[in-house]
């Protein structure tokens, strides 16, 4: 049996998608959570000096989406054809673009910058990036026959998008007002029995 170890901080963050893939597939793994205080003692153990990192029988895989793609392929949540896998990967890359665009706002919020600065970044940086991502995602949902982002059903990118929507709604409950397709996607994913069970028992964190 393959021995998996997942290294990350004690939050959902960039490792949550992998935890959910393990939950979906009912695959045992070690969820090794490192505190921010203890992180300097482990940083140089990681291939790129960052987390998450997945150890597969001792082989260390860095980068959150590389890990997600690997696990999704192992467990059947990457898409059902090479073409569909490519579309799922494209959606993942677009989500990464959104995070890069919105990063100045996220980091300023984390650093608790003055309210005036945060409001400016929210209106000029975050909201345009978020609204563009929502439009792209909704275009895929309009065409999908499954209610998920691609026709064949649930994939790793649905998991990631829905977890991030939950984070956004935690900070601003009206985030999905007027976005019925995204609201339905979130509901659909959270009602998957394995995901519902995982969400009910995991620690509650803001991100």
C-alpha atoms as a PDB file:
ATOM      1  CA  UNK A   1       0.000   0.000   0.000  1.00  0.00           C
ATOM      2  CA  UNK A   2       1.207   3.501  -0.860  1.00  0.00           C
ATOM      3  CA  UNK A   3       2.147   5.584   2.193  1.00  0.00           C
ATOM      4  CA  UNK A   4       1.009   9.197   1.884  1.00  0.00           C
ATOM      5  CA  UNK A   5       2.093  12.079   4.126  1.00  0.00           C
ATOM      6  CA  UNK A   6       0.668  15.573   3.595  1.00  0.00           C
ATOM      7  CA  UNK A   7       2.634  18.468   5.108  1.00  0.00           C
ATOM      8  CA  UNK A   8       0.961  21.838   5.651  1.00  0.00           C
ATOM      9  CA  UNK A   9       0.005  24.410   8.267  1.00  0.00           C
ATOM     10  CA  UNK A  10      -2.923  23.926  10.657  1.00  0.00           C
ATOM     11  CA  UNK A  11      -5.405  25.670   8.327  1.00  0.00           C
ATOM     12  CA  UNK A  12      -7.361  24.668   5.200  1.00  0.00           C
ATOM     13  CA  UNK A  13      -5.481  26.849   2.740  1.00  0.00           C
ATOM     14  CA  UNK A  14      -3.708  25.269  -0.211  1.00  0.00           C
ATOM     15  CA  UNK A  15      -3.810  21.748   1.277  1.00  0.00           C
ATOM     16  CA  UNK A  16      -7.558  21.481   1.720  1.00  0.00           C
ATOM     17  CA  UNK A  17      -8.146  20.241  -1.814  1.00  0.00           C
ATOM     18  CA  UNK A  18      -5.802  17.302  -1.153  1.00  0.00           C
ATOM     19  CA  UNK A  19      -7.454  16.509   2.172  1.00  0.00           C
ATOM     20  CA  UNK A  20     -10.815  16.418   0.404  1.00  0.00           C
ATOM     21  CA  UNK A  21      -9.470  14.111  -2.306  1.00  0.00           C
ATOM     22  CA  UNK A  22      -8.246  11.741   0.390  1.00  0.00           C
ATOM     23  CA  UNK A  23     -11.682  11.936   2.037  1.00  0.00           C
ATOM     24  CA  UNK A  24     -13.496  11.285  -1.250  1.00  0.00           C
ATOM     25  CA  UNK A  25     -11.391   8.247  -2.044  1.00  0.00           C
ATOM     26  CA  UNK A  26     -11.322   6.995   1.551  1.00  0.00           C
ATOM     27  CA  UNK A  27      -7.546   6.741   1.263  1.00  0.00           C
ATOM     28  CA  UNK A  28      -5.535   6.729   4.517  1.00  0.00           C
ATOM     29  CA  UNK A  29      -2.781   9.320   4.894  1.00  0.00           C
ATOM     30  CA  UNK A  30      -0.851  11.222   7.541  1.00  0.00           C
ATOM     31  CA  UNK A  31      -2.022  14.832   7.855  1.00  0.00           C
ATOM     32  CA  UNK A  32       1.107  16.456   9.279  1.00  0.00           C
ATOM     33  CA  UNK A  33       0.240  19.983  10.429  1.00  0.00           C
ATOM     34  CA  UNK A  34       3.122  22.303  11.231  1.00  0.00           C
ATOM     35  CA  UNK A  35       2.585  25.458  13.257  1.00  0.00           C
ATOM     36  CA  UNK A  36       3.846  28.786  11.940  1.00  0.00           C
ATOM     37  CA  UNK A  37       6.123  28.985  14.973  1.00  0.00           C
ATOM     38  CA  UNK A  38       7.719  25.631  14.127  1.00  0.00           C
ATOM     39  CA  UNK A  39       7.858  26.209  10.369  1.00  0.00           C
ATOM     40  CA  UNK A  40      11.429  27.635  10.309  1.00  0.00           C
ATOM     41  CA  UNK A  41      12.650  24.298  11.685  1.00  0.00           C
ATOM     42  CA  UNK A  42      11.135  22.446   8.717  1.00  0.00           C
ATOM     43  CA  UNK A  43      11.412  24.915   5.850  1.00  0.00           C
ATOM     44  CA  UNK A  44      14.652  23.560   4.424  1.00  0.00           C
ATOM     45  CA  UNK A  45      13.267  20.012   4.457  1.00  0.00           C
ATOM     46  CA  UNK A  46      10.819  20.967   1.692  1.00  0.00           C
ATOM     47  CA  UNK A  47      11.863  20.894  -1.999  1.00  0.00           C
ATOM     48  CA  UNK A  48      10.898  24.535  -2.664  1.00  0.00           C
ATOM     49  CA  UNK A  49      10.963  25.666   0.995  1.00  0.00           C
ATOM     50  CA  UNK A  50       7.191  26.031   1.029  1.00  0.00           C
ATOM     51  CA  UNK A  51       4.106  23.915   1.683  1.00  0.00           C
ATOM     52  CA  UNK A  52       1.981  21.969   0.983  1.00  0.00           C
ATOM     53  CA  UNK A  53       4.184  18.997   0.177  1.00  0.00           C
ATOM     54  CA  UNK A  54       2.973  15.450  -0.399  1.00  0.00           C
ATOM     55  CA  UNK A  55       5.254  12.533   0.403  1.00  0.00           C
ATOM     56  CA  UNK A  56       4.479   9.415  -1.652  1.00  0.00           C
ATOM     57  CA  UNK A  57       6.512   6.535  -0.262  1.00  0.00           C
ATOM     58  CA  UNK A  58       9.197   9.064   0.627  1.00  0.00           C
ATOM     59  CA  UNK A  59       9.156  10.973  -2.680  1.00  0.00           C
ATOM     60  CA  UNK A  60       8.346  14.624  -1.948  1.00  0.00           C
ATOM     61  CA  UNK A  61       5.945  16.377  -4.361  1.00  0.00           C
ATOM     62  CA  UNK A  62       5.740  20.177  -3.890  1.00  0.00           C
ATOM     63  CA  UNK A  63       3.184  22.720  -5.159  1.00  0.00           C
ATOM     64  CA  UNK A  64      -0.509  22.532  -4.288  1.00  0.00           C
ATOM     65  CA  UNK A  65      -1.922  22.065  -7.788  1.00  0.00           C
ATOM     66  CA  UNK A  66       0.727  19.507  -8.769  1.00  0.00           C
ATOM     67  CA  UNK A  67      -0.290  17.535  -5.683  1.00  0.00           C
ATOM     68  CA  UNK A  68      -3.990  17.948  -6.472  1.00  0.00           C
ATOM     69  CA  UNK A  69      -3.539  16.821 -10.069  1.00  0.00           C
ATOM     70  CA  UNK A  70      -1.529  13.791  -8.988  1.00  0.00           C
ATOM     71  CA  UNK A  71      -4.069  12.703  -6.384  1.00  0.00           C
ATOM     72  CA  UNK A  72      -6.998  13.432  -8.688  1.00  0.00           C
ATOM     73  CA  UNK A  73      -5.513  11.189 -11.357  1.00  0.00           C
ATOM     74  CA  UNK A  74      -4.841   8.471  -8.793  1.00  0.00           C
ATOM     75  CA  UNK A  75      -8.382   8.610  -7.396  1.00  0.00           C
ATOM     76  CA  UNK A  76     -10.439   9.405 -10.529  1.00  0.00           C
ATOM     77  CA  UNK A  77     -11.199  13.113 -10.091  1.00  0.00           C
ATOM     78  CA  UNK A  78      -9.085  14.650 -12.861  1.00  0.00           C
ATOM     79  CA  UNK A  79     -11.590  14.357 -15.727  1.00  0.00           C
ATOM     80  CA  UNK A  80     -12.585  11.316 -17.731  1.00  0.00           C
ATOM     81  CA  UNK A  81     -10.595  11.959 -20.922  1.00  0.00           C
ATOM     82  CA  UNK A  82      -7.357  13.720 -21.900  1.00  0.00           C
ATOM     83  CA  UNK A  83      -9.423  16.576 -23.337  1.00  0.00           C
ATOM     84  CA  UNK A  84     -11.447  16.957 -20.158  1.00  0.00           C
ATOM     85  CA  UNK A  85      -8.280  16.789 -18.040  1.00  0.00           C
ATOM     86  CA  UNK A  86      -6.901  19.648 -20.124  1.00  0.00           C
ATOM     87  CA  UNK A  87     -10.028  21.741 -19.504  1.00  0.00           C
ATOM     88  CA  UNK A  88      -9.844  21.050 -15.762  1.00  0.00           C
ATOM     89  CA  UNK A  89      -6.167  22.048 -15.779  1.00  0.00           C
ATOM     90  CA  UNK A  90      -7.040  25.216 -17.713  1.00  0.00           C
ATOM     91  CA  UNK A  91      -9.603  26.128 -15.070  1.00  0.00           C
ATOM     92  CA  UNK A  92      -6.974  25.538 -12.400  1.00  0.00           C
ATOM     93  CA  UNK A  93      -4.535  27.823 -14.186  1.00  0.00           C
ATOM     94  CA  UNK A  94      -7.214  30.514 -14.477  1.00  0.00           C
ATOM     95  CA  UNK A  95      -7.917  30.259 -10.753  1.00  0.00           C
ATOM     96  CA  UNK A  96      -4.195  30.724 -10.102  1.00  0.00           C
ATOM     97  CA  UNK A  97      -4.276  33.837 -12.344  1.00  0.00           C
ATOM     98  CA  UNK A  98      -7.102  35.202 -10.196  1.00  0.00           C
ATOM     99  CA  UNK A  99      -5.106  34.653  -7.012  1.00  0.00           C
ATOM    100  CA  UNK A 100      -2.087  36.410  -8.527  1.00  0.00           C
ATOM    101  CA  UNK A 101      -4.253  39.377  -9.518  1.00  0.00           C
ATOM    102  CA  UNK A 102      -6.020  39.571  -6.158  1.00  0.00           C
ATOM    103  CA  UNK A 103      -2.887  38.926  -4.079  1.00  0.00           C
ATOM    104  CA  UNK A 104      -2.229  42.591  -3.157  1.00  0.00           C
ATOM    105  CA  UNK A 105      -5.654  42.745  -1.516  1.00  0.00           C
ATOM    106  CA  UNK A 106      -5.320  39.403   0.267  1.00  0.00           C
ATOM    107  CA  UNK A 107      -1.904  40.245   1.705  1.00  0.00           C
ATOM    108  CA  UNK A 108      -3.015  43.735   2.782  1.00  0.00           C
ATOM    109  CA  UNK A 109      -6.047  42.234   4.512  1.00  0.00           C
ATOM    110  CA  UNK A 110      -3.855  39.657   6.260  1.00  0.00           C
ATOM    111  CA  UNK A 111      -1.523  42.438   7.407  1.00  0.00           C
ATOM    112  CA  UNK A 112      -4.513  44.465   8.664  1.00  0.00           C
ATOM    113  CA  UNK A 113      -3.676  47.542   6.644  1.00  0.00           C
ATOM    114  CA  UNK A 114      -5.701  50.741   7.251  1.00  0.00           C
ATOM    115  CA  UNK A 115      -9.376  50.555   6.258  1.00  0.00           C
ATOM    116  CA  UNK A 116      -9.005  53.206   3.555  1.00  0.00           C
ATOM    117  CA  UNK A 117      -6.181  51.286   1.868  1.00  0.00           C
ATOM    118  CA  UNK A 118      -8.106  48.015   2.083  1.00  0.00           C
ATOM    119  CA  UNK A 119     -11.229  49.561   0.584  1.00  0.00           C
ATOM    120  CA  UNK A 120      -9.233  50.949  -2.326  1.00  0.00           C
ATOM    121  CA  UNK A 121      -7.588  47.581  -3.002  1.00  0.00           C
ATOM    122  CA  UNK A 122     -10.915  45.815  -2.662  1.00  0.00           C
ATOM    123  CA  UNK A 123     -12.598  48.005  -5.266  1.00  0.00           C
ATOM    124  CA  UNK A 124      -9.688  48.373  -7.680  1.00  0.00           C
ATOM    125  CA  UNK A 125      -7.973  44.979  -7.401  1.00  0.00           C
ATOM    126  CA  UNK A 126     -10.013  42.265  -5.694  1.00  0.00           C
ATOM    127  CA  UNK A 127     -13.548  42.822  -6.971  1.00  0.00           C
ATOM    128  CA  UNK A 128     -12.569  43.101 -10.667  1.00  0.00           C
ATOM    129  CA  UNK A 129     -10.482  39.911 -10.378  1.00  0.00           C
ATOM    130  CA  UNK A 130     -13.236  38.062  -8.517  1.00  0.00           C
ATOM    131  CA  UNK A 131     -15.984  39.151 -10.894  1.00  0.00           C
ATOM    132  CA  UNK A 132     -13.937  38.095 -13.908  1.00  0.00           C
ATOM    133  CA  UNK A 133     -13.298  34.663 -12.378  1.00  0.00           C
ATOM    134  CA  UNK A 134     -16.973  34.262 -11.518  1.00  0.00           C
ATOM    135  CA  UNK A 135     -17.921  35.082 -15.120  1.00  0.00           C
ATOM    136  CA  UNK A 136     -15.503  32.504 -16.498  1.00  0.00           C
ATOM    137  CA  UNK A 137     -16.668  29.823 -14.065  1.00  0.00           C
ATOM    138  CA  UNK A 138     -20.318  30.542 -14.801  1.00  0.00           C
ATOM    139  CA  UNK A 139     -19.661  30.207 -18.531  1.00  0.00           C
ATOM    140  CA  UNK A 140     -18.406  26.671 -17.914  1.00  0.00           C
ATOM    141  CA  UNK A 141     -21.339  25.858 -15.642  1.00  0.00           C
ATOM    142  CA  UNK A 142     -23.841  27.063 -18.254  1.00  0.00           C
ATOM    143  CA  UNK A 143     -22.436  24.571 -20.753  1.00  0.00           C
ATOM    144  CA  UNK A 144     -21.939  21.660 -18.367  1.00  0.00           C
ATOM    145  CA  UNK A 145     -24.391  18.753 -18.377  1.00  0.00           C
ATOM    146  CA  UNK A 146     -23.493  17.664 -14.848  1.00  0.00           C
ATOM    147  CA  UNK A 147     -23.840  20.754 -12.668  1.00  0.00           C
ATOM    148  CA  UNK A 148     -20.097  20.589 -12.082  1.00  0.00           C
ATOM    149  CA  UNK A 149     -17.504  22.509 -14.080  1.00  0.00           C
ATOM    150  CA  UNK A 150     -17.047  19.706 -16.637  1.00  0.00           C
ATOM    151  CA  UNK A 151     -19.547  17.246 -18.079  1.00  0.00           C
ATOM    152  CA  UNK A 152     -18.262  14.015 -16.531  1.00  0.00           C
ATOM    153  CA  UNK A 153     -18.853  15.141 -12.954  1.00  0.00           C
ATOM    154  CA  UNK A 154     -16.892  16.118  -9.868  1.00  0.00           C
ATOM    155  CA  UNK A 155     -13.205  17.007 -10.299  1.00  0.00           C
ATOM    156  CA  UNK A 156     -10.497  18.515  -8.149  1.00  0.00           C
ATOM    157  CA  UNK A 157     -11.127  22.012  -9.498  1.00  0.00           C
ATOM    158  CA  UNK A 158     -14.742  21.901  -8.248  1.00  0.00           C
ATOM    159  CA  UNK A 159     -13.370  21.108  -4.794  1.00  0.00           C
ATOM    160  CA  UNK A 160     -10.935  24.002  -4.884  1.00  0.00           C
ATOM    161  CA  UNK A 161     -13.436  26.534  -6.218  1.00  0.00           C
ATOM    162  CA  UNK A 162     -16.093  25.565  -3.677  1.00  0.00           C
ATOM    163  CA  UNK A 163     -13.673  25.739  -0.756  1.00  0.00           C
ATOM    164  CA  UNK A 164     -12.587  29.220  -1.844  1.00  0.00           C
ATOM    165  CA  UNK A 165     -16.209  30.303  -2.260  1.00  0.00           C
ATOM    166  CA  UNK A 166     -16.739  29.209   1.332  1.00  0.00           C
ATOM    167  CA  UNK A 167     -13.819  31.353   2.441  1.00  0.00           C
ATOM    168  CA  UNK A 168     -15.169  34.381   0.576  1.00  0.00           C
ATOM    169  CA  UNK A 169     -18.660  33.843   2.007  1.00  0.00           C
ATOM    170  CA  UNK A 170     -17.151  33.614   5.478  1.00  0.00           C
ATOM    171  CA  UNK A 171     -15.828  37.146   5.121  1.00  0.00           C
ATOM    172  CA  UNK A 172     -18.765  38.500   3.090  1.00  0.00           C
ATOM    173  CA  UNK A 173     -21.998  36.447   3.314  1.00  0.00           C
ATOM    174  CA  UNK A 174     -23.510  38.171   0.262  1.00  0.00           C
ATOM    175  CA  UNK A 175     -20.667  37.045  -2.031  1.00  0.00           C
ATOM    176  CA  UNK A 176     -22.854  34.665  -4.042  1.00  0.00           C
ATOM    177  CA  UNK A 177     -25.933  36.887  -4.243  1.00  0.00           C
ATOM    178  CA  UNK A 178     -26.952  36.911  -7.902  1.00  0.00           C
ATOM    179  CA  UNK A 179     -24.685  33.958  -8.711  1.00  0.00           C
ATOM    180  CA  UNK A 180     -27.141  31.065  -8.765  1.00  0.00           C
ATOM    181  CA  UNK A 181     -24.917  28.734 -10.782  1.00  0.00           C
ATOM    182  CA  UNK A 182     -22.024  29.093  -8.344  1.00  0.00           C
ATOM    183  CA  UNK A 183     -24.380  28.759  -5.376  1.00  0.00           C
ATOM    184  CA  UNK A 184     -25.736  25.543  -6.870  1.00  0.00           C
ATOM    185  CA  UNK A 185     -22.220  24.231  -7.471  1.00  0.00           C
ATOM    186  CA  UNK A 186     -21.289  24.916  -3.868  1.00  0.00           C
ATOM    187  CA  UNK A 187     -24.423  23.183  -2.593  1.00  0.00           C
ATOM    188  CA  UNK A 188     -23.855  20.197  -4.891  1.00  0.00           C
ATOM    189  CA  UNK A 189     -20.252  19.667  -3.780  1.00  0.00           C
ATOM    190  CA  UNK A 190     -20.997  20.115  -0.085  1.00  0.00           C
ATOM    191  CA  UNK A 191     -23.777  17.516  -0.330  1.00  0.00           C
ATOM    192  CA  UNK A 192     -21.412  14.797  -1.583  1.00  0.00           C
ATOM    193  CA  UNK A 193     -21.525  12.408   1.415  1.00  0.00           C
ATOM    194  CA  UNK A 194     -17.748  12.094   1.838  1.00  0.00           C
ATOM    195  CA  UNK A 195     -17.277  15.864   1.595  1.00  0.00           C
ATOM    196  CA  UNK A 196     -20.180  16.546   3.938  1.00  0.00           C
ATOM    197  CA  UNK A 197     -18.682  14.160   6.492  1.00  0.00           C
ATOM    198  CA  UNK A 198     -15.205  15.688   6.153  1.00  0.00           C
ATOM    199  CA  UNK A 199     -16.427  19.279   6.461  1.00  0.00           C
ATOM    200  CA  UNK A 200     -18.444  18.388   9.568  1.00  0.00           C
ATOM    201  CA  UNK A 201     -15.428  17.008  11.415  1.00  0.00           C
ATOM    202  CA  UNK A 202     -12.537  19.193  10.236  1.00  0.00           C
ATOM    203  CA  UNK A 203     -11.301  22.074  12.418  1.00  0.00           C
ATOM    204  CA  UNK A 204     -12.957  25.412  11.652  1.00  0.00           C
ATOM    205  CA  UNK A 205     -10.512  27.967  10.221  1.00  0.00           C
ATOM    206  CA  UNK A 206     -11.014  31.260   8.389  1.00  0.00           C
ATOM    207  CA  UNK A 207      -8.871  30.166   5.451  1.00  0.00           C
END
